Amino acid sequence: MPEFAALVDGYRRFRSDSYIAQKARFDALSSEGQAPPVMIISCCDSRVDPATVFDTVPGQVFALRNVANLVPPYEPGGGLHGASAAIEFGVVGLGVRHIVVLGHGQCGGIKAALEGGDLGAPGRSFIDDWMGIVSEARDAVLEHQHDDPQLALEQEAIKVSLSNLRTFPFIAESETSGSLKLHGAWFAISSGALHVLDEEAGRFGPVA
C-alpha cells in the first residue's frame, strides 16, 4: 500500500533529521517523563493538527482528539469514557495548567449535526450519539437563523465543551484555585487564521 509506505518514508526522514536535531529533548522526555503544561482538545480532522497549528515541540502538549473536539458532561456511571479518562489524566495525573478546546472550520461532525447526515455505520450510529452533545446548541443556532449556521455551531460547540469541562469536579476545583485555565479557539482552514474566545464577551476574535 503506497499510503503506508509514505508514512514509513516520513518516519525515515524524521529519524534522520528532526529526531537527531531534538535528541537531547527526546532523551530528557524518556528519562524524566512528560510534564506538558497544556492540554489541547481538538478534532480528529486530518486538516487540523494542533502540533502544526501551534508549532509545538514534543512534550509541550498533551493532546486529545475526537470527532468535533467535543467534551461530554461529567458522568461517573458505567460505560467507556475515553474522553473523560484523557481529561482526568491530563488534569489529575499530569497537572496541566491550561486546557484549550480547538474547533475549526468545515467540521464534518458539525455539518452532520446540522443536516442530520448519516455518517455512521448502518443501524446505531456512534457519531449520531456523540454529536448529541451539541443538540441543544444546534437547535438554538437553527432557531436564530444565523447567516452561517455551520460557523455558528462550530463556535457554539467550543463553548459547550468548555461548559462541560466545568462539570468535572477536579476541573472546577482547579479553575477556582487558579491552578488551571480554560481557553476556546477556532481555526479557519481556508485562511489559516486562529480566533480565540473572549468568554466574558462571548465572542471569538482573530489573533493578530
Protein backbone atom coordinates (compact mmCIF):
# COMPACT_ATOMS: atom_id res chain seq x y z
CA MET A 1 0.00 0.00 0.00
CA PRO A 2 1.63 3.27 -1.10
CA GLU A 3 -0.12 5.27 1.61
CA PHE A 4 1.50 3.31 4.42
CA ALA A 5 4.81 3.32 2.58
CA ALA A 6 4.60 7.11 2.55
CA LEU A 7 4.26 7.06 6.34
CA VAL A 8 7.33 4.86 6.67
CA ASP A 9 9.26 7.22 4.39
CA GLY A 10 8.19 10.08 6.62
CA TYR A 11 9.47 8.21 9.65
CA ARG A 12 12.83 7.74 7.95
CA ARG A 13 13.05 11.49 7.32
CA PHE A 14 12.11 12.20 10.94
CA ARG A 15 14.64 9.67 12.25
CA SER A 16 17.50 11.10 10.19
CA ASP A 17 16.62 14.78 10.64
CA SER A 18 14.21 16.07 13.31
CA TYR A 19 14.94 13.32 15.81
CA ILE A 20 18.67 13.97 15.65
CA ALA A 21 18.15 17.72 15.94
CA GLN A 22 15.98 17.20 19.05
CA LYS A 23 17.89 14.23 20.52
CA ALA A 24 18.51 15.98 23.84
CA ARG A 25 14.80 16.71 24.21
CA PHE A 26 13.81 13.12 23.48
CA ASP A 27 16.45 11.84 25.91
CA ALA A 28 15.04 14.09 28.65
CA LEU A 29 11.46 13.08 27.89
CA SER A 30 12.50 9.43 28.03
CA SER A 31 14.38 9.65 31.31
CA GLU A 32 12.29 12.26 33.14
CA GLY A 33 8.82 11.55 31.72
CA GLN A 34 6.33 14.07 30.44
CA ALA A 35 5.10 17.22 32.16
CA PRO A 36 3.19 19.15 29.46
CA PRO A 37 1.78 22.47 30.69
CA VAL A 38 -1.05 22.47 28.13
CA MET A 39 -3.77 20.05 27.09
CA ILE A 40 -5.44 20.58 23.72
CA ILE A 41 -8.79 19.01 22.87
CA SER A 42 -9.17 19.15 19.12
CA CYS A 43 -10.96 17.47 16.24
CA CYS A 44 -9.57 14.36 14.61
CA ASP A 45 -9.97 16.06 11.21
CA SER A 46 -6.83 15.36 9.17
CA ARG A 47 -6.57 19.03 8.13
CA VAL A 48 -6.26 20.41 11.66
CA ASP A 49 -3.21 19.12 13.51
CA PRO A 50 -2.75 21.10 16.75
CA ALA A 51 1.00 20.43 16.73
CA THR A 52 1.16 22.11 13.31
CA VAL A 53 -1.23 24.96 14.12
CA PHE A 54 0.63 25.89 17.31
CA ASP A 55 4.10 24.85 16.11
CA THR A 56 4.76 22.82 19.26
CA VAL A 57 7.64 20.52 20.18
CA PRO A 58 7.46 17.02 21.73
CA GLY A 59 6.49 17.18 25.38
CA GLN A 60 4.80 20.58 25.15
CA VAL A 61 1.18 19.48 24.65
CA PHE A 62 -1.00 16.64 25.92
CA ALA A 63 -3.49 16.08 23.10
CA LEU A 64 -6.97 14.60 22.93
CA ARG A 65 -8.56 14.36 19.50
CA ASN A 66 -12.11 13.23 18.76
CA VAL A 67 -15.00 14.00 16.42
CA ALA A 68 -15.77 17.74 16.55
CA ASN A 69 -13.50 18.40 19.56
CA LEU A 70 -16.35 17.69 21.98
CA VAL A 71 -16.27 17.17 25.72
CA PRO A 72 -19.10 15.16 27.27
CA PRO A 73 -20.52 16.25 30.63
CA TYR A 74 -19.18 14.60 33.77
CA GLU A 75 -20.88 11.19 34.04
CA PRO A 76 -19.46 8.88 36.74
CA GLY A 77 -21.76 5.99 35.80
CA GLY A 78 -20.99 2.92 33.73
CA GLY A 79 -19.66 2.92 30.19
CA LEU A 80 -16.38 3.52 28.43
CA HIS A 81 -15.41 7.15 28.93
CA GLY A 82 -12.35 7.62 26.73
CA ALA A 83 -12.52 11.40 26.52
CA SER A 84 -13.20 11.76 30.24
CA ALA A 85 -10.31 9.44 31.09
CA ALA A 86 -7.90 11.52 29.00
CA ILE A 87 -9.14 14.72 30.64
CA GLU A 88 -8.75 13.20 34.10
CA PHE A 89 -5.22 12.04 33.31
CA GLY A 90 -4.26 15.43 31.90
CA VAL A 91 -5.53 17.40 34.90
CA VAL A 92 -5.08 15.00 37.81
CA GLY A 93 -2.20 12.88 36.54
CA LEU A 94 -0.10 15.41 34.65
CA GLY A 95 -1.21 18.64 36.28
CA VAL A 96 -1.68 20.61 33.08
CA ARG A 97 -2.16 24.32 33.72
CA HIS A 98 -4.18 25.13 30.58
CA ILE A 99 -6.84 23.31 28.57
CA VAL A 100 -7.53 24.59 25.06
CA VAL A 101 -10.62 23.45 23.15
CA LEU A 102 -9.70 23.92 19.49
CA GLY A 103 -12.51 23.89 16.94
CA HIS A 104 -12.20 24.52 13.21
CA GLY A 105 -13.95 25.49 10.02
CA GLN A 106 -15.65 22.96 7.71
CA CYS A 107 -16.05 20.43 10.53
CA GLY A 108 -17.75 17.27 9.28
CA GLY A 109 -19.20 16.37 12.67
CA ILE A 110 -20.81 19.79 13.00
CA LYS A 111 -22.14 19.51 9.43
CA ALA A 112 -23.70 16.15 10.31
CA ALA A 113 -25.28 17.62 13.44
CA LEU A 114 -26.83 20.42 11.38
CA GLU A 115 -28.01 18.36 8.44
CA GLY A 116 -28.65 15.01 10.07
CA GLY A 117 -26.11 13.46 7.71
CA ASP A 118 -25.77 9.72 8.20
CA LEU A 119 -22.02 9.36 8.64
CA GLY A 120 -22.19 6.27 10.81
CA ALA A 121 -22.49 2.56 10.13
CA PRO A 122 -25.90 1.03 9.36
CA GLY A 123 -28.01 0.71 12.49
CA ARG A 124 -26.94 2.56 15.60
CA SER A 125 -24.54 5.39 14.77
CA PHE A 126 -21.81 6.21 17.27
CA ILE A 127 -21.40 9.55 15.51
CA ASP A 128 -25.07 10.49 15.93
CA ASP A 129 -24.89 9.63 19.64
CA TRP A 130 -21.69 11.62 20.09
CA MET A 131 -22.97 14.69 18.27
CA GLY A 132 -25.98 14.65 20.59
CA ILE A 133 -23.68 16.55 22.97
CA VAL A 134 -24.42 19.69 20.94
CA SER A 135 -28.09 19.02 20.16
CA GLU A 136 -29.34 21.94 22.25
CA ALA A 137 -26.77 24.30 20.75
CA ARG A 138 -27.72 23.09 17.26
CA ASP A 139 -31.40 23.76 17.91
CA ALA A 140 -30.61 27.26 19.17
CA VAL A 141 -28.45 28.02 16.12
CA LEU A 142 -31.16 26.86 13.73
CA GLU A 143 -33.82 28.80 15.60
CA HIS A 144 -31.86 32.05 15.39
CA GLN A 145 -31.33 31.61 11.62
CA HIS A 146 -27.65 32.60 11.53
CA ASP A 147 -26.22 33.68 8.18
CA ASP A 148 -23.62 30.91 8.55
CA PRO A 149 -25.07 28.19 10.80
CA GLN A 150 -22.03 25.96 10.22
CA LEU A 151 -19.66 28.58 11.63
CA ALA A 152 -22.10 29.47 14.41
CA LEU A 153 -22.39 25.87 15.62
CA GLU A 154 -18.64 25.24 15.28
CA GLN A 155 -18.07 28.09 17.69
CA GLU A 156 -21.01 27.30 19.96
CA ALA A 157 -19.75 23.70 20.24
CA ILE A 158 -16.49 25.04 21.69
CA LYS A 159 -18.50 26.88 24.35
CA VAL A 160 -20.47 23.70 25.09
CA SER A 161 -17.22 21.77 25.58
CA LEU A 162 -15.87 24.45 27.92
CA SER A 163 -19.11 24.36 29.90
CA ASN A 164 -18.99 20.56 30.10
CA LEU A 165 -15.36 20.66 31.26
CA ARG A 166 -16.50 22.69 34.25
CA THR A 167 -18.88 19.88 35.29
CA PHE A 168 -15.85 17.76 36.21
CA PRO A 169 -15.26 18.36 39.94
CA PHE A 170 -11.47 18.30 39.67
CA ILE A 171 -11.58 20.90 36.88
CA ALA A 172 -13.97 23.17 38.75
CA GLU A 173 -11.74 22.97 41.82
CA SER A 174 -8.55 23.62 39.85
CA GLU A 175 -10.06 26.55 37.99
CA THR A 176 -11.35 28.08 41.23
CA SER A 177 -7.92 27.73 42.87
CA GLY A 178 -6.25 29.35 39.87
CA SER A 179 -4.10 26.33 39.01
CA LEU A 180 -5.97 25.68 35.74
CA LYS A 181 -7.24 27.99 33.00
CA LEU A 182 -9.62 27.05 30.18
CA HIS A 183 -9.46 28.53 26.67
CA GLY A 184 -11.51 28.27 23.48
CA ALA A 185 -10.10 28.72 19.99
CA TRP A 186 -11.33 28.26 16.42
CA PHE A 187 -9.08 27.69 13.37
CA ALA A 188 -10.05 28.63 9.81
CA ILE A 189 -8.62 26.05 7.41
CA SER A 190 -9.19 28.28 4.39
CA SER A 191 -7.17 31.25 5.69
CA GLY A 192 -5.01 29.75 8.42
CA ALA A 193 -6.41 32.32 10.87
CA LEU A 194 -6.82 31.50 14.56
CA HIS A 195 -9.64 33.06 16.59
CA VAL A 196 -9.60 33.00 20.40
CA LEU A 197 -12.71 33.12 22.59
CA ASP A 198 -13.27 36.01 24.95
CA GLU A 199 -15.59 34.22 27.38
CA GLU A 200 -16.70 37.38 29.11
CA ALA A 201 -17.85 38.90 25.82
CA GLY A 202 -18.92 35.54 24.38
CA ARG A 203 -17.15 36.27 21.06
CA PHE A 204 -14.19 34.94 19.10
CA GLY A 205 -11.56 37.40 17.92
CA PRO A 206 -8.68 36.90 15.48
CA VAL A 207 -5.11 36.59 16.73
CA ALA A 208 -3.02 39.38 15.21
